[in-house]
Amino acid sequence: MNQIKIVILFVTLITISGCSEEVKVESENFVVEGFIVANERVNNIKIKAISPIDSEEVTSEAIPDALVTIKRGASSFPLIYNSNSGLYEYADNDLLILNNEEYAIDIVVADRQATSSTIVPGPPMGLTIPKNVLIVPQLSLNFGLRNQIATLFEEERITLEWDPRDGQSYFVVIENKVEVVDAILPEGVPEEAANLLSSFRFISAPSEQTSFEIIAVALDTYGPHVAKVYSVNREYVDLFENLEQDSRDLNEPPSNISNALGIFTAFAVDSVEFEVRRE
C-alpha cells in the first residue's frame, strides 16, 4: 500500500486562507490518514498534529504516542507506531481485511478520542489484459529520438479493462517489480518531456472509467511490471472532489472522522502482470 501515489492535502486545506473564518482549529485536534486494503496487512495509518494557521511549516508532525485500534465486530486490534515510517501498523497476522466487511478505527490522543468506520468494497471484476509483453527498442539521445518516442507512444500500448459497476470508482497504479532500474528513456532527455510522459503512468484520482491504457514509453524501466486496479469508497472520492473545488468555496476540509479531521477508508484490488522488453 505504501507504493500507492495518494494525494493527501489535509494540512493545506486546513490552512487555506480562503476558508471561512468560522472554522476553528483547536490545538488538541489532529488529522487521521487511515487506509486499509482487502487481503493486505494494516500498515498505513498516520496520525498527525495540525499546524497553526500562521505556521510556515508545509507538513505536520506525526503523533507517535496515540492509542490506535482497529475493530471488526467485537474484536479489537491495537496498532503500534513504526518510527521508521511514521505510520501505525498491526504487528500480528490475525487481522484479516475482508471484502464487504465493516471496520472501525478508534484513536485517542491525550484526552481526545476520535472514531470512524468504513466498509471494504469488492474488488474490480473481470480485469483483463490483451497481451502481457510490450516492446521498446534501445533508445538513444539523437535527432531521431523525438519521432521514435512519438511512434512508440501511439503504437506500443495495451489496454486494461474490467467490468462496470454502478457508482463504483477506481484508480490504477503501475509498479515495476525490479530493484535495479534499467531506464527506458536515455539520460539527457529534457525534463519537460520526461514529466509529460510520466503523467500517463497511473490514475491517481478516482474515476468510474473501466479501462486504462498502459503506454510503454511512459514507464520508467524495462522488465516485469504489475498493474493494480483499486476499488475505492465514496469518502475517498469526496476527498478528491473537494480538492478540485475553488478554495473560496471551502468551509472545512473533507472528513469522515468523528471528533477529529481526516479520512479512514478502504480499498480492494485486483492486478495483472506484464513485461517491457528491449528488442
C-alpha atoms as a PDB file:
ATOM      1  CA  MET A   1       0.000   0.000   0.000  1.00  0.00           C
ATOM      2  CA  ASN A   2       2.900   2.357   0.622  1.00  0.00           C
ATOM      3  CA  GLN A   3       3.570   2.425  -3.129  1.00  0.00           C
ATOM      4  CA  ILE A   4       0.196   3.921  -3.919  1.00  0.00           C
ATOM      5  CA  LYS A   5       0.556   7.540  -5.107  1.00  0.00           C
ATOM      6  CA  ILE A   6      -2.221   9.024  -2.990  1.00  0.00           C
ATOM      7  CA  VAL A   7      -2.621  12.819  -2.839  1.00  0.00           C
ATOM      8  CA  ILE A   8      -3.447  13.884   0.723  1.00  0.00           C
ATOM      9  CA  LEU A   9      -3.648  17.603   1.373  1.00  0.00           C
ATOM     10  CA  PHE A  10      -5.483  17.916   4.675  1.00  0.00           C
ATOM     11  CA  VAL A  11      -2.943  20.315   6.156  1.00  0.00           C
ATOM     12  CA  THR A  12      -3.159  22.515   3.075  1.00  0.00           C
ATOM     13  CA  LEU A  13      -6.937  22.527   3.228  1.00  0.00           C
ATOM     14  CA  ILE A  14      -6.955  23.390   6.908  1.00  0.00           C
ATOM     15  CA  THR A  15      -4.663  26.361   6.421  1.00  0.00           C
ATOM     16  CA  ILE A  16      -6.143  27.729   3.164  1.00  0.00           C
ATOM     17  CA  SER A  17      -6.643  31.448   3.597  1.00  0.00           C
ATOM     18  CA  GLY A  18      -9.907  31.336   1.675  1.00  0.00           C
ATOM     19  CA  CYS A  19     -11.632  29.120   4.235  1.00  0.00           C
ATOM     20  CA  SER A  20     -14.484  30.509   6.287  1.00  0.00           C
ATOM     21  CA  GLU A  21     -13.453  32.343   9.422  1.00  0.00           C
ATOM     22  CA  GLU A  22     -15.989  30.219  11.320  1.00  0.00           C
ATOM     23  CA  VAL A  23     -13.699  27.205  11.036  1.00  0.00           C
ATOM     24  CA  LYS A  24     -11.770  26.909  14.283  1.00  0.00           C
ATOM     25  CA  VAL A  25      -8.737  24.656  14.570  1.00  0.00           C
ATOM     26  CA  GLU A  26      -8.312  23.529  18.157  1.00  0.00           C
ATOM     27  CA  SER A  27      -4.775  22.916  19.325  1.00  0.00           C
ATOM     28  CA  GLU A  28      -5.628  19.444  20.675  1.00  0.00           C
ATOM     29  CA  ASN A  29      -7.286  18.373  17.428  1.00  0.00           C
ATOM     30  CA  PHE A  30      -5.455  16.097  14.996  1.00  0.00           C
ATOM     31  CA  VAL A  31      -5.627  14.644  11.491  1.00  0.00           C
ATOM     32  CA  VAL A  32      -6.130  10.981  10.599  1.00  0.00           C
ATOM     33  CA  GLU A  33      -4.972   9.466   7.311  1.00  0.00           C
ATOM     34  CA  GLY A  34      -6.108   5.860   7.514  1.00  0.00           C
ATOM     35  CA  PHE A  35      -6.130   3.383   4.624  1.00  0.00           C
ATOM     36  CA  ILE A  36      -6.819  -0.351   4.741  1.00  0.00           C
ATOM     37  CA  VAL A  37      -6.710  -2.743   1.770  1.00  0.00           C
ATOM     38  CA  ALA A  38      -8.516  -6.051   1.374  1.00  0.00           C
ATOM     39  CA  ASN A  39      -6.214  -9.041   1.927  1.00  0.00           C
ATOM     40  CA  GLU A  40      -3.255  -6.859   2.954  1.00  0.00           C
ATOM     41  CA  ARG A  41      -1.639  -6.018   6.282  1.00  0.00           C
ATOM     42  CA  VAL A  42      -2.755  -2.910   8.148  1.00  0.00           C
ATOM     43  CA  ASN A  43       0.301  -0.651   7.982  1.00  0.00           C
ATOM     44  CA  ASN A  44      -0.855   2.670   6.561  1.00  0.00           C
ATOM     45  CA  ILE A  45      -2.447   4.650   9.405  1.00  0.00           C
ATOM     46  CA  LYS A  46      -0.995   8.092  10.079  1.00  0.00           C
ATOM     47  CA  ILE A  47      -1.931  10.417  12.949  1.00  0.00           C
ATOM     48  CA  LYS A  48      -0.700  13.986  12.545  1.00  0.00           C
ATOM     49  CA  ALA A  49      -0.742  17.184  14.531  1.00  0.00           C
ATOM     50  CA  ILE A  50      -2.400  20.231  12.984  1.00  0.00           C
ATOM     51  CA  SER A  51      -0.138  23.112  12.048  1.00  0.00           C
ATOM     52  CA  PRO A  52      -1.259  26.512  13.369  1.00  0.00           C
ATOM     53  CA  ILE A  53      -2.766  28.752  10.694  1.00  0.00           C
ATOM     54  CA  ASP A  54       0.121  31.211  10.974  1.00  0.00           C
ATOM     55  CA  SER A  55       2.755  28.462  10.784  1.00  0.00           C
ATOM     56  CA  GLU A  56       5.256  28.458   7.907  1.00  0.00           C
ATOM     57  CA  GLU A  57       5.512  24.650   8.053  1.00  0.00           C
ATOM     58  CA  VAL A  58       4.101  22.869   4.978  1.00  0.00           C
ATOM     59  CA  THR A  59       3.809  19.459   6.646  1.00  0.00           C
ATOM     60  CA  SER A  60       2.587  18.408  10.091  1.00  0.00           C
ATOM     61  CA  GLU A  61       4.456  16.209  12.514  1.00  0.00           C
ATOM     62  CA  ALA A  62       3.363  12.644  13.112  1.00  0.00           C
ATOM     63  CA  ILE A  63       1.987  11.898  16.580  1.00  0.00           C
ATOM     64  CA  PRO A  64       3.905   8.843  17.858  1.00  0.00           C
ATOM     65  CA  ASP A  65       2.062   8.201  21.142  1.00  0.00           C
ATOM     66  CA  ALA A  66      -1.561   7.866  20.062  1.00  0.00           C
ATOM     67  CA  LEU A  67      -3.621   4.843  21.068  1.00  0.00           C
ATOM     68  CA  VAL A  68      -4.902   3.424  17.780  1.00  0.00           C
ATOM     69  CA  THR A  69      -7.204   0.424  17.494  1.00  0.00           C
ATOM     70  CA  ILE A  70      -8.860  -1.275  14.525  1.00  0.00           C
ATOM     71  CA  LYS A  71     -12.149  -3.003  15.305  1.00  0.00           C
ATOM     72  CA  ARG A  72     -14.048  -5.704  13.431  1.00  0.00           C
ATOM     73  CA  GLY A  73     -17.280  -6.657  15.145  1.00  0.00           C
ATOM     74  CA  ALA A  74     -16.471  -7.398  18.781  1.00  0.00           C
ATOM     75  CA  SER A  75     -12.736  -7.907  18.109  1.00  0.00           C
ATOM     76  CA  SER A  76     -10.143  -5.176  18.714  1.00  0.00           C
ATOM     77  CA  PHE A  77      -6.644  -4.991  17.243  1.00  0.00           C
ATOM     78  CA  PRO A  78      -4.239  -2.447  18.782  1.00  0.00           C
ATOM     79  CA  LEU A  79      -1.720  -0.881  16.411  1.00  0.00           C
ATOM     80  CA  ILE A  80       1.894   0.042  17.158  1.00  0.00           C
ATOM     81  CA  TYR A  81       3.850   3.051  15.928  1.00  0.00           C
ATOM     82  CA  ASN A  82       6.659   2.440  13.428  1.00  0.00           C
ATOM     83  CA  SER A  83       9.236   5.174  13.964  1.00  0.00           C
ATOM     84  CA  ASN A  84      10.875   4.471  10.591  1.00  0.00           C
ATOM     85  CA  SER A  85       7.745   5.026   8.520  1.00  0.00           C
ATOM     86  CA  GLY A  86       5.858   7.355  10.853  1.00  0.00           C
ATOM     87  CA  LEU A  87       2.832   5.046  10.458  1.00  0.00           C
ATOM     88  CA  TYR A  88       0.796   2.879  12.788  1.00  0.00           C
ATOM     89  CA  GLU A  89       0.602  -0.822  11.904  1.00  0.00           C
ATOM     90  CA  TYR A  90      -0.668  -4.133  13.202  1.00  0.00           C
ATOM     91  CA  ALA A  91       2.177  -6.461  14.114  1.00  0.00           C
ATOM     92  CA  ASP A  92       0.439  -9.876  14.086  1.00  0.00           C
ATOM     93  CA  ASN A  93      -1.239 -11.888  11.329  1.00  0.00           C
ATOM     94  CA  ASP A  94      -4.717 -12.418  12.779  1.00  0.00           C
ATOM     95  CA  LEU A  95      -6.295  -9.211  11.463  1.00  0.00           C
ATOM     96  CA  LEU A  96      -7.887 -10.050   8.114  1.00  0.00           C
ATOM     97  CA  ILE A  97      -9.230  -7.256   5.926  1.00  0.00           C
ATOM     98  CA  LEU A  98     -12.109  -8.842   4.031  1.00  0.00           C
ATOM     99  CA  ASN A  99     -14.195  -7.554   1.133  1.00  0.00           C
ATOM    100  CA  ASN A 100     -17.627  -6.177   2.033  1.00  0.00           C
ATOM    101  CA  GLU A 101     -16.870  -6.203   5.783  1.00  0.00           C
ATOM    102  CA  GLU A 102     -17.107  -3.163   8.053  1.00  0.00           C
ATOM    103  CA  TYR A 103     -14.089  -1.966  10.064  1.00  0.00           C
ATOM    104  CA  ALA A 104     -13.863   0.791  12.643  1.00  0.00           C
ATOM    105  CA  ILE A 105     -10.959   2.824  13.969  1.00  0.00           C
ATOM    106  CA  ASP A 106     -10.575   4.328  17.436  1.00  0.00           C
ATOM    107  CA  ILE A 107      -7.857   6.919  18.124  1.00  0.00           C
ATOM    108  CA  VAL A 108      -7.008   8.522  21.453  1.00  0.00           C
ATOM    109  CA  VAL A 109      -4.560  11.436  21.636  1.00  0.00           C
ATOM    110  CA  ALA A 110      -4.167  12.867  25.129  1.00  0.00           C
ATOM    111  CA  ASP A 111      -7.785  13.115  26.334  1.00  0.00           C
ATOM    112  CA  ARG A 112      -9.349  13.408  22.864  1.00  0.00           C
ATOM    113  CA  GLN A 113     -10.989  10.351  21.294  1.00  0.00           C
ATOM    114  CA  ALA A 114     -11.876  10.100  17.592  1.00  0.00           C
ATOM    115  CA  THR A 115     -13.680   7.352  15.722  1.00  0.00           C
ATOM    116  CA  SER A 116     -14.670   6.348  12.215  1.00  0.00           C
ATOM    117  CA  SER A 117     -15.734   3.322  10.199  1.00  0.00           C
ATOM    118  CA  THR A 118     -15.633   2.113   6.604  1.00  0.00           C
ATOM    119  CA  ILE A 119     -16.860  -0.832   4.554  1.00  0.00           C
ATOM    120  CA  VAL A 120     -14.300  -2.589   2.362  1.00  0.00           C
ATOM    121  CA  PRO A 121     -15.514  -2.525  -1.258  1.00  0.00           C
ATOM    122  CA  GLY A 122     -15.487  -5.512  -3.559  1.00  0.00           C
ATOM    123  CA  PRO A 123     -12.512  -5.874  -5.921  1.00  0.00           C
ATOM    124  CA  PRO A 124     -12.663  -4.889  -9.588  1.00  0.00           C
ATOM    125  CA  MET A 125     -14.294  -7.734 -11.502  1.00  0.00           C
ATOM    126  CA  GLY A 126     -13.274  -9.174 -14.849  1.00  0.00           C
ATOM    127  CA  LEU A 127      -9.862  -7.488 -15.061  1.00  0.00           C
ATOM    128  CA  THR A 128      -8.195  -8.463 -18.328  1.00  0.00           C
ATOM    129  CA  ILE A 129      -5.094  -7.565 -20.310  1.00  0.00           C
ATOM    130  CA  PRO A 130      -4.950  -8.485 -24.039  1.00  0.00           C
ATOM    131  CA  LYS A 131      -1.203  -9.147 -24.080  1.00  0.00           C
ATOM    132  CA  ASN A 132       1.490  -9.229 -21.443  1.00  0.00           C
ATOM    133  CA  VAL A 133       4.546  -8.010 -23.366  1.00  0.00           C
ATOM    134  CA  LEU A 134       5.402  -4.507 -24.572  1.00  0.00           C
ATOM    135  CA  ILE A 135       8.396  -3.993 -26.877  1.00  0.00           C
ATOM    136  CA  VAL A 136      10.554  -0.863 -26.592  1.00  0.00           C
ATOM    137  CA  PRO A 137      13.851  -0.834 -28.540  1.00  0.00           C
ATOM    138  CA  GLN A 138      17.004   0.700 -27.114  1.00  0.00           C
ATOM    139  CA  LEU A 139      16.562   4.480 -27.187  1.00  0.00           C
ATOM    140  CA  SER A 140      19.499   6.809 -27.833  1.00  0.00           C
ATOM    141  CA  LEU A 141      19.768  10.569 -27.485  1.00  0.00           C
ATOM    142  CA  ASN A 142      19.867  11.659 -31.126  1.00  0.00           C
ATOM    143  CA  PHE A 143      17.960  13.756 -33.648  1.00  0.00           C
ATOM    144  CA  GLY A 144      15.503  10.922 -34.353  1.00  0.00           C
ATOM    145  CA  LEU A 145      14.574  10.317 -30.706  1.00  0.00           C
ATOM    146  CA  ARG A 146      11.559  12.634 -30.725  1.00  0.00           C
ATOM    147  CA  ASN A 147       9.929  10.830 -33.653  1.00  0.00           C
ATOM    148  CA  GLN A 148      10.828   7.432 -32.215  1.00  0.00           C
ATOM    149  CA  ILE A 149       9.174   8.283 -28.891  1.00  0.00           C
ATOM    150  CA  ALA A 150       6.105   9.697 -30.670  1.00  0.00           C
ATOM    151  CA  THR A 151       5.708   6.485 -32.667  1.00  0.00           C
ATOM    152  CA  LEU A 152       6.113   4.280 -29.604  1.00  0.00           C
ATOM    153  CA  PHE A 153       3.664   6.465 -27.692  1.00  0.00           C
ATOM    154  CA  GLU A 154       0.958   5.822 -30.270  1.00  0.00           C
ATOM    155  CA  GLU A 155       1.674   2.220 -31.189  1.00  0.00           C
ATOM    156  CA  GLU A 156       3.144   0.341 -28.216  1.00  0.00           C
ATOM    157  CA  ARG A 157       0.409   0.243 -25.617  1.00  0.00           C
ATOM    158  CA  ILE A 158      -2.056  -2.167 -24.053  1.00  0.00           C
ATOM    159  CA  THR A 159      -5.489  -1.553 -22.566  1.00  0.00           C
ATOM    160  CA  LEU A 160      -6.612  -2.861 -19.197  1.00  0.00           C
ATOM    161  CA  GLU A 161     -10.343  -3.457 -18.957  1.00  0.00           C
ATOM    162  CA  TRP A 162     -12.684  -4.504 -16.164  1.00  0.00           C
ATOM    163  CA  ASP A 163     -16.434  -4.857 -15.657  1.00  0.00           C
ATOM    164  CA  PRO A 164     -18.534  -1.760 -14.892  1.00  0.00           C
ATOM    165  CA  ARG A 165     -20.407  -1.494 -11.580  1.00  0.00           C
ATOM    166  CA  ASP A 166     -22.926   1.279 -10.954  1.00  0.00           C
ATOM    167  CA  GLY A 167     -21.446   4.091  -8.890  1.00  0.00           C
ATOM    168  CA  GLN A 168     -18.110   2.335  -8.269  1.00  0.00           C
ATOM    169  CA  SER A 169     -14.903   4.337  -8.687  1.00  0.00           C
ATOM    170  CA  TYR A 170     -11.364   3.112  -9.269  1.00  0.00           C
ATOM    171  CA  PHE A 171      -7.774   4.208  -9.591  1.00  0.00           C
ATOM    172  CA  VAL A 172      -4.826   2.479 -11.271  1.00  0.00           C
ATOM    173  CA  VAL A 173      -1.225   2.069 -10.190  1.00  0.00           C
ATOM    174  CA  ILE A 174       1.590   0.646 -12.330  1.00  0.00           C
ATOM    175  CA  GLU A 175       4.638  -0.654 -10.443  1.00  0.00           C
ATOM    176  CA  ASN A 176       7.852  -2.188 -11.710  1.00  0.00           C
ATOM    177  CA  LYS A 177       8.929  -5.381  -9.948  1.00  0.00           C
ATOM    178  CA  VAL A 178      12.700  -4.974 -10.171  1.00  0.00           C
ATOM    179  CA  GLU A 179      15.043  -3.280  -7.737  1.00  0.00           C
ATOM    180  CA  VAL A 180      17.714  -2.475 -10.332  1.00  0.00           C
ATOM    181  CA  VAL A 181      16.299   0.134 -12.680  1.00  0.00           C
ATOM    182  CA  ASP A 182      17.009  -0.339 -16.392  1.00  0.00           C
ATOM    183  CA  ALA A 183      15.730   3.022 -17.589  1.00  0.00           C
ATOM    184  CA  ILE A 184      13.698   3.250 -20.794  1.00  0.00           C
ATOM    185  CA  LEU A 185      14.433   6.913 -21.522  1.00  0.00           C
ATOM    186  CA  PRO A 186      18.112   7.726 -22.137  1.00  0.00           C
ATOM    187  CA  GLU A 187      19.959  10.223 -19.966  1.00  0.00           C
ATOM    188  CA  GLY A 188      19.670  13.760 -21.225  1.00  0.00           C
ATOM    189  CA  VAL A 189      16.014  13.651 -22.271  1.00  0.00           C
ATOM    190  CA  PRO A 190      14.514  17.103 -21.486  1.00  0.00           C
ATOM    191  CA  GLU A 191      12.834  17.170 -18.094  1.00  0.00           C
ATOM    192  CA  GLU A 192       9.630  18.592 -19.570  1.00  0.00           C
ATOM    193  CA  ALA A 193       9.301  15.623 -21.948  1.00  0.00           C
ATOM    194  CA  ALA A 194      10.020  13.075 -19.197  1.00  0.00           C
ATOM    195  CA  ASN A 195       7.461  14.708 -16.879  1.00  0.00           C
ATOM    196  CA  LEU A 196       4.830  14.752 -19.622  1.00  0.00           C
ATOM    197  CA  LEU A 197       5.293  11.050 -20.291  1.00  0.00           C
ATOM    198  CA  SER A 198       5.190  10.217 -16.579  1.00  0.00           C
ATOM    199  CA  SER A 199       1.732  11.801 -16.309  1.00  0.00           C
ATOM    200  CA  PHE A 200       0.342   8.830 -18.287  1.00  0.00           C
ATOM    201  CA  ARG A 201       1.598   6.179 -15.858  1.00  0.00           C
ATOM    202  CA  PHE A 202      -1.348   5.891 -13.493  1.00  0.00           C
ATOM    203  CA  ILE A 203      -4.733   7.268 -12.445  1.00  0.00           C
ATOM    204  CA  SER A 204      -4.285   8.840  -9.022  1.00  0.00           C
ATOM    205  CA  ALA A 205      -7.731  10.460  -8.858  1.00  0.00           C
ATOM    206  CA  PRO A 206     -10.743   8.134  -8.593  1.00  0.00           C
ATOM    207  CA  SER A 207     -12.798   7.629 -11.739  1.00  0.00           C
ATOM    208  CA  GLU A 208     -15.732   5.494 -12.839  1.00  0.00           C
ATOM    209  CA  GLN A 209     -13.963   4.595 -16.092  1.00  0.00           C
ATOM    210  CA  THR A 210     -13.394   0.852 -16.551  1.00  0.00           C
ATOM    211  CA  SER A 211     -10.364   0.837 -18.811  1.00  0.00           C
ATOM    212  CA  PHE A 212      -6.839   2.208 -18.747  1.00  0.00           C
ATOM    213  CA  GLU A 213      -4.174   2.356 -21.449  1.00  0.00           C
ATOM    214  CA  ILE A 214      -0.648   1.386 -20.427  1.00  0.00           C
ATOM    215  CA  ILE A 215       1.782   3.291 -22.648  1.00  0.00           C
ATOM    216  CA  ALA A 216       5.137   1.522 -22.826  1.00  0.00           C
ATOM    217  CA  VAL A 217       7.356   4.568 -23.362  1.00  0.00           C
ATOM    218  CA  ALA A 218       5.680   6.368 -20.453  1.00  0.00           C
ATOM    219  CA  LEU A 219       7.005   3.779 -17.985  1.00  0.00           C
ATOM    220  CA  ASP A 220      10.249   4.160 -16.053  1.00  0.00           C
ATOM    221  CA  THR A 221      12.022   0.926 -16.682  1.00  0.00           C
ATOM    222  CA  TYR A 222      12.317  -2.279 -18.672  1.00  0.00           C
ATOM    223  CA  GLY A 223      11.402  -5.551 -17.004  1.00  0.00           C
ATOM    224  CA  PRO A 224       8.389  -7.065 -15.216  1.00  0.00           C
ATOM    225  CA  HIS A 225       5.568  -4.811 -14.022  1.00  0.00           C
ATOM    226  CA  VAL A 226       2.278  -5.191 -12.182  1.00  0.00           C
ATOM    227  CA  ALA A 227      -0.837  -3.170 -12.961  1.00  0.00           C
ATOM    228  CA  LYS A 228      -3.110  -2.756  -9.934  1.00  0.00           C
ATOM    229  CA  VAL A 229      -6.712  -1.588 -10.179  1.00  0.00           C
ATOM    230  CA  TYR A 230      -8.197  -0.387  -6.873  1.00  0.00           C
ATOM    231  CA  SER A 231     -11.881  -0.086  -5.988  1.00  0.00           C
ATOM    232  CA  VAL A 232     -12.432   2.937  -3.750  1.00  0.00           C
ATOM    233  CA  ASN A 233     -15.139   4.128  -1.389  1.00  0.00           C
ATOM    234  CA  ARG A 234     -17.256   7.267  -1.569  1.00  0.00           C
ATOM    235  CA  GLU A 235     -15.321   9.006   1.215  1.00  0.00           C
ATOM    236  CA  TYR A 236     -12.167   8.779  -0.883  1.00  0.00           C
ATOM    237  CA  VAL A 237     -13.997  10.153  -3.935  1.00  0.00           C
ATOM    238  CA  ASP A 238     -15.299  13.028  -1.797  1.00  0.00           C
ATOM    239  CA  LEU A 239     -11.730  13.869  -0.797  1.00  0.00           C
ATOM    240  CA  PHE A 240     -10.656  14.370  -4.397  1.00  0.00           C
ATOM    241  CA  GLU A 241     -13.808  16.217  -5.397  1.00  0.00           C
ATOM    242  CA  ASN A 242     -13.208  18.613  -2.518  1.00  0.00           C
ATOM    243  CA  LEU A 243      -9.586  19.174  -3.544  1.00  0.00           C
ATOM    244  CA  GLU A 244     -10.748  20.188  -7.019  1.00  0.00           C
ATOM    245  CA  GLN A 245     -13.081  22.907  -5.741  1.00  0.00           C
ATOM    246  CA  ASP A 246     -12.264  26.586  -5.669  1.00  0.00           C
ATOM    247  CA  SER A 247     -10.723  27.177  -2.244  1.00  0.00           C
ATOM    248  CA  ARG A 248     -13.025  30.171  -1.740  1.00  0.00           C
ATOM    249  CA  ASP A 249     -15.961  27.745  -1.584  1.00  0.00           C
ATOM    250  CA  LEU A 250     -14.453  25.550   1.136  1.00  0.00           C
ATOM    251  CA  ASN A 251     -15.715  25.853   4.691  1.00  0.00           C
ATOM    252  CA  GLU A 252     -13.859  22.890   6.132  1.00  0.00           C
ATOM    253  CA  PRO A 253     -11.656  20.037   4.928  1.00  0.00           C
ATOM    254  CA  PRO A 254     -13.331  16.747   3.920  1.00  0.00           C
ATOM    255  CA  SER A 255     -13.549  14.317   6.819  1.00  0.00           C
ATOM    256  CA  ASN A 256     -15.339  11.153   7.866  1.00  0.00           C
ATOM    257  CA  ILE A 257     -13.653  11.182  11.286  1.00  0.00           C
ATOM    258  CA  SER A 258     -15.818  11.908  14.319  1.00  0.00           C
ATOM    259  CA  ASN A 259     -14.147  14.361  16.758  1.00  0.00           C
ATOM    260  CA  ALA A 260     -11.058  14.901  14.591  1.00  0.00           C
ATOM    261  CA  LEU A 261     -10.217  15.581  10.938  1.00  0.00           C
ATOM    262  CA  GLY A 262      -9.169  13.353   8.072  1.00  0.00           C
ATOM    263  CA  ILE A 263     -10.202  10.113   6.435  1.00  0.00           C
ATOM    264  CA  PHE A 264     -10.491   6.428   7.229  1.00  0.00           C
ATOM    265  CA  THR A 265     -11.281   4.385   4.150  1.00  0.00           C
ATOM    266  CA  ALA A 266     -10.770   1.028   2.481  1.00  0.00           C
ATOM    267  CA  PHE A 267      -9.674  -0.255  -0.918  1.00  0.00           C
ATOM    268  CA  ALA A 268      -9.931  -3.549  -2.765  1.00  0.00           C
ATOM    269  CA  VAL A 269      -7.542  -4.502  -5.529  1.00  0.00           C
ATOM    270  CA  ASP A 270      -7.018  -6.871  -8.425  1.00  0.00           C
ATOM    271  CA  SER A 271      -3.879  -6.997 -10.548  1.00  0.00           C
ATOM    272  CA  VAL A 272      -2.297  -8.331 -13.727  1.00  0.00           C
ATOM    273  CA  GLU A 273       1.353  -8.623 -14.702  1.00  0.00           C
ATOM    274  CA  PHE A 274       3.153  -7.659 -17.898  1.00  0.00           C
ATOM    275  CA  GLU A 275       6.691  -7.087 -19.113  1.00  0.00           C
ATOM    276  CA  VAL A 276       8.507  -4.349 -21.023  1.00  0.00           C
ATOM    277  CA  ARG A 277      11.217  -5.877 -23.232  1.00  0.00           C
ATOM    278  CA  ARG A 278      14.090  -4.374 -25.190  1.00  0.00           C
ATOM    279  CA  GLU A 279      14.195  -5.947 -28.670  1.00  0.00           C
END
